[in-house]
Amino acid sequence: MDEMDVLREELEHYKAQKDKIRDVVGQIGGATSHRRNAMINIAFLVVVVSAFAFDLLRHVMGWEISILSPTILLEVAVLLVSLKIIWMIHKQAKVDHFQFWILNSIEFQMNMLSRRIADLDNTVRMGNNASDNADG
């Protein structure tokens, strides 16, 4: 029954790690994050399209606004697009870091299991050698 207890303990450890990973994944990109990202994307899109549309209308209709230079809205729109790209790069870096962490954890677990299998193999071989020496 000792082996069964060890297996149960390992199963509980696995379940605890699985729950821990779910919590971390939820913190990184859960449903609230998706909704917030969608709202930010919509806000960026509305502001950029509005700036381009207003500037286009200003040129087509011949409106002269003395406090705005002719290209200021285009410059603001380009700045906003640049900020959006920077924000997307930052989000992707977070995802890459999380994937690296997961792969590193998997590699660590595989190395531990490999060592344990090697130790078990050595134990079995030692047991077989001892029984062969006792028989012979």
N, C-alpha and C. Protein backbone atom coordinates (compact mmCIF):
# COMPACT_ATOMS: atom_id res chain seq x y z
N MET A 1 0.82 -1.21 0.00
CA MET A 1 0.00 0.00 0.00
C MET A 1 0.86 1.27 0.00
N ASP A 2 2.13 1.15 0.28
CA ASP A 2 3.02 2.30 0.31
C ASP A 2 3.11 2.95 -1.07
N GLU A 3 3.17 2.14 -2.13
CA GLU A 3 3.24 2.67 -3.50
C GLU A 3 1.96 3.42 -3.86
N MET A 4 0.83 2.90 -3.40
CA MET A 4 -0.45 3.57 -3.67
C MET A 4 -0.49 4.93 -3.01
N ASP A 5 0.03 5.03 -1.80
CA ASP A 5 0.06 6.32 -1.11
C ASP A 5 0.95 7.30 -1.86
N VAL A 6 2.08 6.83 -2.37
CA VAL A 6 2.98 7.69 -3.13
C VAL A 6 2.29 8.17 -4.41
N LEU A 7 1.59 7.26 -5.09
CA LEU A 7 0.88 7.65 -6.31
C LEU A 7 -0.24 8.64 -6.02
N ARG A 8 -0.95 8.44 -4.92
CA ARG A 8 -2.00 9.40 -4.55
C ARG A 8 -1.40 10.77 -4.24
N GLU A 9 -0.27 10.76 -3.55
CA GLU A 9 0.40 12.03 -3.23
C GLU A 9 0.84 12.75 -4.51
N GLU A 10 1.37 12.00 -5.47
CA GLU A 10 1.79 12.60 -6.73
C GLU A 10 0.58 13.14 -7.50
N LEU A 11 -0.53 12.42 -7.46
CA LEU A 11 -1.75 12.88 -8.12
C LEU A 11 -2.25 14.18 -7.49
N GLU A 12 -2.23 14.26 -6.18
CA GLU A 12 -2.65 15.49 -5.49
C GLU A 12 -1.71 16.65 -5.84
N HIS A 13 -0.42 16.35 -5.92
CA HIS A 13 0.56 17.38 -6.29
C HIS A 13 0.29 17.87 -7.71
N TYR A 14 -0.01 16.95 -8.62
CA TYR A 14 -0.33 17.31 -10.00
C TYR A 14 -1.58 18.19 -10.05
N LYS A 15 -2.61 17.81 -9.31
CA LYS A 15 -3.85 18.60 -9.30
C LYS A 15 -3.60 19.99 -8.75
N ALA A 16 -2.77 20.10 -7.71
CA ALA A 16 -2.45 21.41 -7.14
C ALA A 16 -1.71 22.28 -8.16
N GLN A 17 -0.77 21.67 -8.89
CA GLN A 17 -0.04 22.43 -9.92
C GLN A 17 -0.98 22.86 -11.04
N LYS A 18 -1.90 21.98 -11.42
CA LYS A 18 -2.85 22.31 -12.48
C LYS A 18 -3.73 23.49 -12.06
N ASP A 19 -4.19 23.49 -10.82
CA ASP A 19 -5.01 24.60 -10.33
C ASP A 19 -4.20 25.90 -10.26
N LYS A 20 -2.95 25.78 -9.87
CA LYS A 20 -2.07 26.95 -9.80
C LYS A 20 -1.87 27.55 -11.19
N ILE A 21 -1.67 26.70 -12.19
CA ILE A 21 -1.48 27.17 -13.56
C ILE A 21 -2.76 27.82 -14.07
N ARG A 22 -3.91 27.25 -13.75
CA ARG A 22 -5.18 27.86 -14.17
C ARG A 22 -5.33 29.25 -13.57
N ASP A 23 -4.95 29.41 -12.31
CA ASP A 23 -5.04 30.72 -11.68
C ASP A 23 -4.13 31.73 -12.37
N VAL A 24 -2.91 31.30 -12.69
CA VAL A 24 -1.96 32.20 -13.36
C VAL A 24 -2.47 32.57 -14.75
N VAL A 25 -2.99 31.60 -15.49
CA VAL A 25 -3.51 31.87 -16.82
C VAL A 25 -4.69 32.84 -16.72
N GLY A 26 -5.52 32.67 -15.72
CA GLY A 26 -6.65 33.58 -15.52
C GLY A 26 -6.19 35.00 -15.24
N GLN A 27 -5.11 35.14 -14.49
CA GLN A 27 -4.58 36.48 -14.19
C GLN A 27 -3.99 37.12 -15.43
N ILE A 28 -3.37 36.33 -16.29
CA ILE A 28 -2.70 36.89 -17.46
C ILE A 28 -3.70 37.30 -18.52
N GLY A 29 -4.66 36.46 -18.82
CA GLY A 29 -5.55 36.78 -19.93
C GLY A 29 -6.92 36.19 -19.77
N GLY A 30 -7.60 36.54 -18.72
CA GLY A 30 -8.94 36.00 -18.51
C GLY A 30 -9.98 36.75 -19.30
N ALA A 31 -11.24 36.49 -18.98
CA ALA A 31 -12.36 37.09 -19.72
C ALA A 31 -12.39 38.62 -19.54
N THR A 32 -12.06 39.11 -18.36
CA THR A 32 -12.08 40.56 -18.16
C THR A 32 -11.01 41.24 -19.01
N SER A 33 -9.88 40.59 -19.17
CA SER A 33 -8.82 41.14 -20.00
C SER A 33 -9.26 41.20 -21.46
N HIS A 34 -9.96 40.19 -21.92
CA HIS A 34 -10.44 40.17 -23.30
C HIS A 34 -11.41 41.32 -23.56
N ARG A 35 -12.31 41.54 -22.63
CA ARG A 35 -13.29 42.63 -22.80
C ARG A 35 -12.59 43.99 -22.78
N ARG A 36 -11.63 44.15 -21.87
CA ARG A 36 -10.89 45.41 -21.79
C ARG A 36 -10.10 45.65 -23.07
N ASN A 37 -9.46 44.60 -23.59
CA ASN A 37 -8.71 44.73 -24.84
C ASN A 37 -9.62 45.12 -25.99
N ALA A 38 -10.80 44.55 -26.04
CA ALA A 38 -11.75 44.89 -27.11
C ALA A 38 -12.16 46.36 -27.00
N MET A 39 -12.40 46.83 -25.80
CA MET A 39 -12.79 48.22 -25.61
C MET A 39 -11.65 49.17 -26.01
N ILE A 40 -10.43 48.82 -25.65
CA ILE A 40 -9.28 49.65 -26.03
C ILE A 40 -9.12 49.66 -27.55
N ASN A 41 -9.27 48.50 -28.19
CA ASN A 41 -9.16 48.44 -29.65
C ASN A 41 -10.23 49.30 -30.32
N ILE A 42 -11.44 49.24 -29.82
CA ILE A 42 -12.53 50.04 -30.38
C ILE A 42 -12.24 51.53 -30.19
N ALA A 43 -11.76 51.90 -29.00
CA ALA A 43 -11.45 53.31 -28.74
C ALA A 43 -10.36 53.81 -29.68
N PHE A 44 -9.28 53.03 -29.84
CA PHE A 44 -8.22 53.41 -30.77
C PHE A 44 -8.77 53.57 -32.18
N LEU A 45 -9.55 52.61 -32.62
CA LEU A 45 -10.11 52.65 -33.97
C LEU A 45 -10.99 53.87 -34.19
N VAL A 46 -11.85 54.18 -33.22
CA VAL A 46 -12.75 55.32 -33.35
C VAL A 46 -11.96 56.62 -33.42
N VAL A 47 -10.98 56.77 -32.53
CA VAL A 47 -10.20 58.02 -32.51
C VAL A 47 -9.40 58.18 -33.80
N VAL A 48 -8.74 57.12 -34.25
CA VAL A 48 -7.91 57.22 -35.46
C VAL A 48 -8.77 57.48 -36.69
N VAL A 49 -9.87 56.74 -36.84
CA VAL A 49 -10.74 56.95 -38.00
C VAL A 49 -11.36 58.34 -37.95
N SER A 50 -11.74 58.79 -36.75
CA SER A 50 -12.31 60.14 -36.63
C SER A 50 -11.29 61.20 -37.02
N ALA A 51 -10.06 61.04 -36.59
CA ALA A 51 -9.02 62.02 -36.94
C ALA A 51 -8.79 62.05 -38.44
N PHE A 52 -8.68 60.87 -39.06
CA PHE A 52 -8.49 60.84 -40.51
C PHE A 52 -9.71 61.41 -41.24
N ALA A 53 -10.91 61.05 -40.80
CA ALA A 53 -12.13 61.53 -41.46
C ALA A 53 -12.27 63.04 -41.32
N PHE A 54 -12.02 63.56 -40.12
CA PHE A 54 -12.13 65.00 -39.91
C PHE A 54 -11.12 65.74 -40.76
N ASP A 55 -9.88 65.22 -40.80
CA ASP A 55 -8.85 65.88 -41.60
C ASP A 55 -9.19 65.82 -43.08
N LEU A 56 -9.73 64.70 -43.54
CA LEU A 56 -10.13 64.58 -44.94
C LEU A 56 -11.27 65.55 -45.26
N LEU A 57 -12.27 65.61 -44.37
CA LEU A 57 -13.37 66.56 -44.57
C LEU A 57 -12.86 68.00 -44.58
N ARG A 58 -11.93 68.29 -43.72
CA ARG A 58 -11.37 69.64 -43.65
C ARG A 58 -10.71 70.03 -44.97
N HIS A 59 -10.00 69.09 -45.58
CA HIS A 59 -9.35 69.38 -46.86
C HIS A 59 -10.36 69.43 -48.01
N VAL A 60 -11.34 68.51 -48.01
CA VAL A 60 -12.34 68.48 -49.09
C VAL A 60 -13.24 69.71 -49.05
N MET A 61 -13.69 70.07 -47.85
CA MET A 61 -14.62 71.19 -47.71
C MET A 61 -13.90 72.53 -47.72
N GLY A 62 -12.59 72.52 -47.56
CA GLY A 62 -11.83 73.76 -47.57
C GLY A 62 -11.93 74.52 -46.26
N TRP A 63 -12.20 73.82 -45.18
CA TRP A 63 -12.29 74.48 -43.88
C TRP A 63 -10.90 74.92 -43.44
N GLU A 64 -10.80 76.13 -43.00
CA GLU A 64 -9.54 76.65 -42.46
C GLU A 64 -9.72 76.86 -40.97
N ILE A 65 -8.99 76.09 -40.19
CA ILE A 65 -9.02 76.24 -38.73
C ILE A 65 -7.66 76.79 -38.32
N SER A 66 -7.66 78.00 -37.82
CA SER A 66 -6.40 78.70 -37.58
C SER A 66 -5.58 78.07 -36.43
N ILE A 67 -6.24 77.46 -35.49
CA ILE A 67 -5.48 76.92 -34.34
C ILE A 67 -4.87 75.55 -34.64
N LEU A 68 -5.30 74.89 -35.71
CA LEU A 68 -4.75 73.59 -36.09
C LEU A 68 -3.90 73.72 -37.34
N SER A 69 -2.71 73.16 -37.27
CA SER A 69 -1.90 73.13 -38.49
C SER A 69 -2.52 72.11 -39.46
N PRO A 70 -2.20 72.19 -40.73
CA PRO A 70 -2.85 71.33 -41.72
C PRO A 70 -2.64 69.82 -41.49
N THR A 71 -1.55 69.45 -40.84
CA THR A 71 -1.26 68.01 -40.69
C THR A 71 -1.33 67.51 -39.26
N ILE A 72 -1.80 68.33 -38.33
CA ILE A 72 -1.74 67.94 -36.92
C ILE A 72 -2.60 66.70 -36.63
N LEU A 73 -3.78 66.59 -37.23
CA LEU A 73 -4.63 65.43 -36.96
C LEU A 73 -4.02 64.16 -37.54
N LEU A 74 -3.39 64.27 -38.69
CA LEU A 74 -2.71 63.10 -39.24
C LEU A 74 -1.55 62.67 -38.34
N GLU A 75 -0.83 63.63 -37.82
CA GLU A 75 0.28 63.32 -36.92
C GLU A 75 -0.23 62.67 -35.64
N VAL A 76 -1.34 63.15 -35.11
CA VAL A 76 -1.93 62.55 -33.90
C VAL A 76 -2.39 61.13 -34.20
N ALA A 77 -3.00 60.91 -35.35
CA ALA A 77 -3.45 59.57 -35.73
C ALA A 77 -2.26 58.61 -35.87
N VAL A 78 -1.18 59.08 -36.47
CA VAL A 78 0.02 58.24 -36.62
C VAL A 78 0.61 57.94 -35.24
N LEU A 79 0.61 58.94 -34.36
CA LEU A 79 1.09 58.72 -32.99
C LEU A 79 0.24 57.66 -32.29
N LEU A 80 -1.07 57.73 -32.42
CA LEU A 80 -1.95 56.75 -31.79
C LEU A 80 -1.73 55.34 -32.35
N VAL A 81 -1.54 55.24 -33.65
CA VAL A 81 -1.26 53.93 -34.25
C VAL A 81 0.07 53.39 -33.72
N SER A 82 1.06 54.26 -33.58
CA SER A 82 2.35 53.84 -33.02
C SER A 82 2.19 53.36 -31.59
N LEU A 83 1.42 54.07 -30.79
CA LEU A 83 1.18 53.65 -29.41
C LEU A 83 0.47 52.30 -29.36
N LYS A 84 -0.46 52.08 -30.28
CA LYS A 84 -1.17 50.80 -30.34
C LYS A 84 -0.20 49.68 -30.67
N ILE A 85 0.72 49.90 -31.59
CA ILE A 85 1.71 48.89 -31.94
C ILE A 85 2.60 48.58 -30.75
N ILE A 86 3.03 49.61 -30.03
CA ILE A 86 3.85 49.40 -28.83
C ILE A 86 3.09 48.60 -27.79
N TRP A 87 1.82 48.90 -27.61
CA TRP A 87 0.98 48.18 -26.66
C TRP A 87 0.85 46.71 -27.05
N MET A 88 0.67 46.46 -28.35
CA MET A 88 0.56 45.07 -28.82
C MET A 88 1.87 44.32 -28.62
N ILE A 89 3.00 44.96 -28.84
CA ILE A 89 4.29 44.33 -28.60
C ILE A 89 4.44 43.98 -27.12
N HIS A 90 4.02 44.87 -26.25
CA HIS A 90 4.08 44.62 -24.81
C HIS A 90 3.22 43.41 -24.43
N LYS A 91 2.00 43.34 -24.96
CA LYS A 91 1.12 42.20 -24.67
C LYS A 91 1.74 40.90 -25.17
N GLN A 92 2.34 40.93 -26.35
CA GLN A 92 2.96 39.72 -26.89
C GLN A 92 4.16 39.30 -26.05
N ALA A 93 4.90 40.25 -25.52
CA ALA A 93 6.03 39.93 -24.65
C ALA A 93 5.56 39.21 -23.39
N LYS A 94 4.42 39.64 -22.85
CA LYS A 94 3.87 38.96 -21.68
C LYS A 94 3.49 37.52 -22.01
N VAL A 95 2.89 37.31 -23.17
CA VAL A 95 2.51 35.96 -23.58
C VAL A 95 3.76 35.10 -23.79
N ASP A 96 4.78 35.66 -24.44
CA ASP A 96 6.02 34.92 -24.66
C ASP A 96 6.68 34.53 -23.34
N HIS A 97 6.67 35.45 -22.37
CA HIS A 97 7.26 35.15 -21.07
C HIS A 97 6.49 34.01 -20.39
N PHE A 98 5.18 34.04 -20.47
CA PHE A 98 4.37 32.99 -19.86
C PHE A 98 4.62 31.64 -20.54
N GLN A 99 4.71 31.63 -21.87
CA GLN A 99 5.00 30.39 -22.57
C GLN A 99 6.37 29.85 -22.18
N PHE A 100 7.35 30.73 -22.04
CA PHE A 100 8.67 30.29 -21.62
C PHE A 100 8.61 29.69 -20.22
N TRP A 101 7.86 30.30 -19.33
CA TRP A 101 7.72 29.80 -17.96
C TRP A 101 7.09 28.42 -17.97
N ILE A 102 6.06 28.23 -18.77
CA ILE A 102 5.38 26.93 -18.85
C ILE A 102 6.34 25.87 -19.40
N LEU A 103 7.04 26.19 -20.49
CA LEU A 103 7.96 25.23 -21.07
C LEU A 103 9.11 24.90 -20.12
N ASN A 104 9.58 25.89 -19.39
CA ASN A 104 10.63 25.66 -18.41
C ASN A 104 10.14 24.73 -17.30
N SER A 105 8.89 24.92 -16.85
CA SER A 105 8.32 24.06 -15.82
C SER A 105 8.17 22.63 -16.32
N ILE A 106 7.73 22.49 -17.57
CA ILE A 106 7.58 21.15 -18.14
C ILE A 106 8.94 20.46 -18.24
N GLU A 107 9.95 21.20 -18.69
CA GLU A 107 11.28 20.63 -18.80
C GLU A 107 11.81 20.20 -17.43
N PHE A 108 11.58 21.02 -16.42
CA PHE A 108 12.02 20.68 -15.07
C PHE A 108 11.34 19.40 -14.59
N GLN A 109 10.03 19.29 -14.82
CA GLN A 109 9.29 18.09 -14.41
C GLN A 109 9.78 16.86 -15.17
N MET A 110 10.06 17.03 -16.46
CA MET A 110 10.56 15.89 -17.25
C MET A 110 11.93 15.44 -16.75
N ASN A 111 12.79 16.38 -16.40
CA ASN A 111 14.11 16.02 -15.87
C ASN A 111 13.98 15.29 -14.54
N MET A 112 13.06 15.76 -13.70
CA MET A 112 12.85 15.07 -12.42
C MET A 112 12.34 13.65 -12.64
N LEU A 113 11.39 13.50 -13.55
CA LEU A 113 10.87 12.16 -13.84
C LEU A 113 11.94 11.27 -14.44
N SER A 114 12.78 11.82 -15.28
CA SER A 114 13.87 11.04 -15.88
C SER A 114 14.83 10.54 -14.80
N ARG A 115 15.15 11.42 -13.86
CA ARG A 115 16.03 11.00 -12.75
C ARG A 115 15.37 9.92 -11.90
N ARG A 116 14.08 10.09 -11.63
CA ARG A 116 13.38 9.10 -10.82
C ARG A 116 13.31 7.75 -11.53
N ILE A 117 13.09 7.76 -12.84
CA ILE A 117 13.05 6.51 -13.60
C ILE A 117 14.43 5.85 -13.59
N ALA A 118 15.48 6.65 -13.73
CA ALA A 118 16.84 6.10 -13.68
C ALA A 118 17.12 5.50 -12.31
N ASP A 119 16.69 6.17 -11.25
CA ASP A 119 16.88 5.64 -9.90
C ASP A 119 16.10 4.34 -9.71
N LEU A 120 14.86 4.30 -10.21
CA LEU A 120 14.06 3.07 -10.11
C LEU A 120 14.70 1.95 -10.91
N ASP A 121 15.24 2.27 -12.09
CA ASP A 121 15.91 1.27 -12.91
C ASP A 121 17.12 0.71 -12.17
N ASN A 122 17.89 1.59 -11.55
CA ASN A 122 19.05 1.12 -10.78
C ASN A 122 18.62 0.25 -9.61
N THR A 123 17.53 0.62 -8.96
CA THR A 123 17.04 -0.16 -7.83
C THR A 123 16.59 -1.55 -8.29
N VAL A 124 15.90 -1.61 -9.41
CA VAL A 124 15.44 -2.90 -9.94
C VAL A 124 16.64 -3.75 -10.35
N ARG A 125 17.62 -3.14 -10.98
CA ARG A 125 18.81 -3.91 -11.38
C ARG A 125 19.57 -4.41 -10.17
N MET A 126 19.65 -3.60 -9.14
CA MET A 126 20.33 -4.03 -7.91
C MET A 126 19.58 -5.19 -7.27
N GLY A 127 18.25 -5.10 -7.29
CA GLY A 127 17.44 -6.19 -6.74
C GLY A 127 17.60 -7.47 -7.53
N ASN A 128 17.66 -7.36 -8.86
CA ASN A 128 17.86 -8.54 -9.70
C ASN A 128 19.25 -9.13 -9.48
N ASN A 129 20.26 -8.29 -9.35
CA ASN A 129 21.62 -8.77 -9.10
C ASN A 129 21.72 -9.47 -7.75
N ALA A 130 21.03 -8.93 -6.75
CA ALA A 130 21.07 -9.54 -5.41
C ALA A 130 20.38 -10.89 -5.43
N SER A 131 19.25 -11.00 -6.15
CA SER A 131 18.54 -12.29 -6.19
C SER A 131 19.34 -13.30 -7.02
N ASP A 132 20.05 -12.84 -8.09
CA ASP A 132 20.88 -13.75 -8.88
C ASP A 132 22.04 -14.26 -8.06
N ASN A 133 22.64 -13.41 -7.24
CA ASN A 133 23.77 -13.83 -6.38
C ASN A 133 23.30 -14.80 -5.31
N ALA A 134 22.08 -14.62 -4.80
CA ALA A 134 21.57 -15.53 -3.76
C ALA A 134 21.23 -16.88 -4.37
N ASP A 135 20.75 -16.91 -5.63
CA ASP A 135 20.41 -18.17 -6.30
C ASP A 135 21.67 -18.93 -6.74
N GLY A 136 22.69 -18.22 -7.14
CA GLY A 136 23.86 -18.85 -7.75
C GLY A 136 24.92 -19.12 -6.79
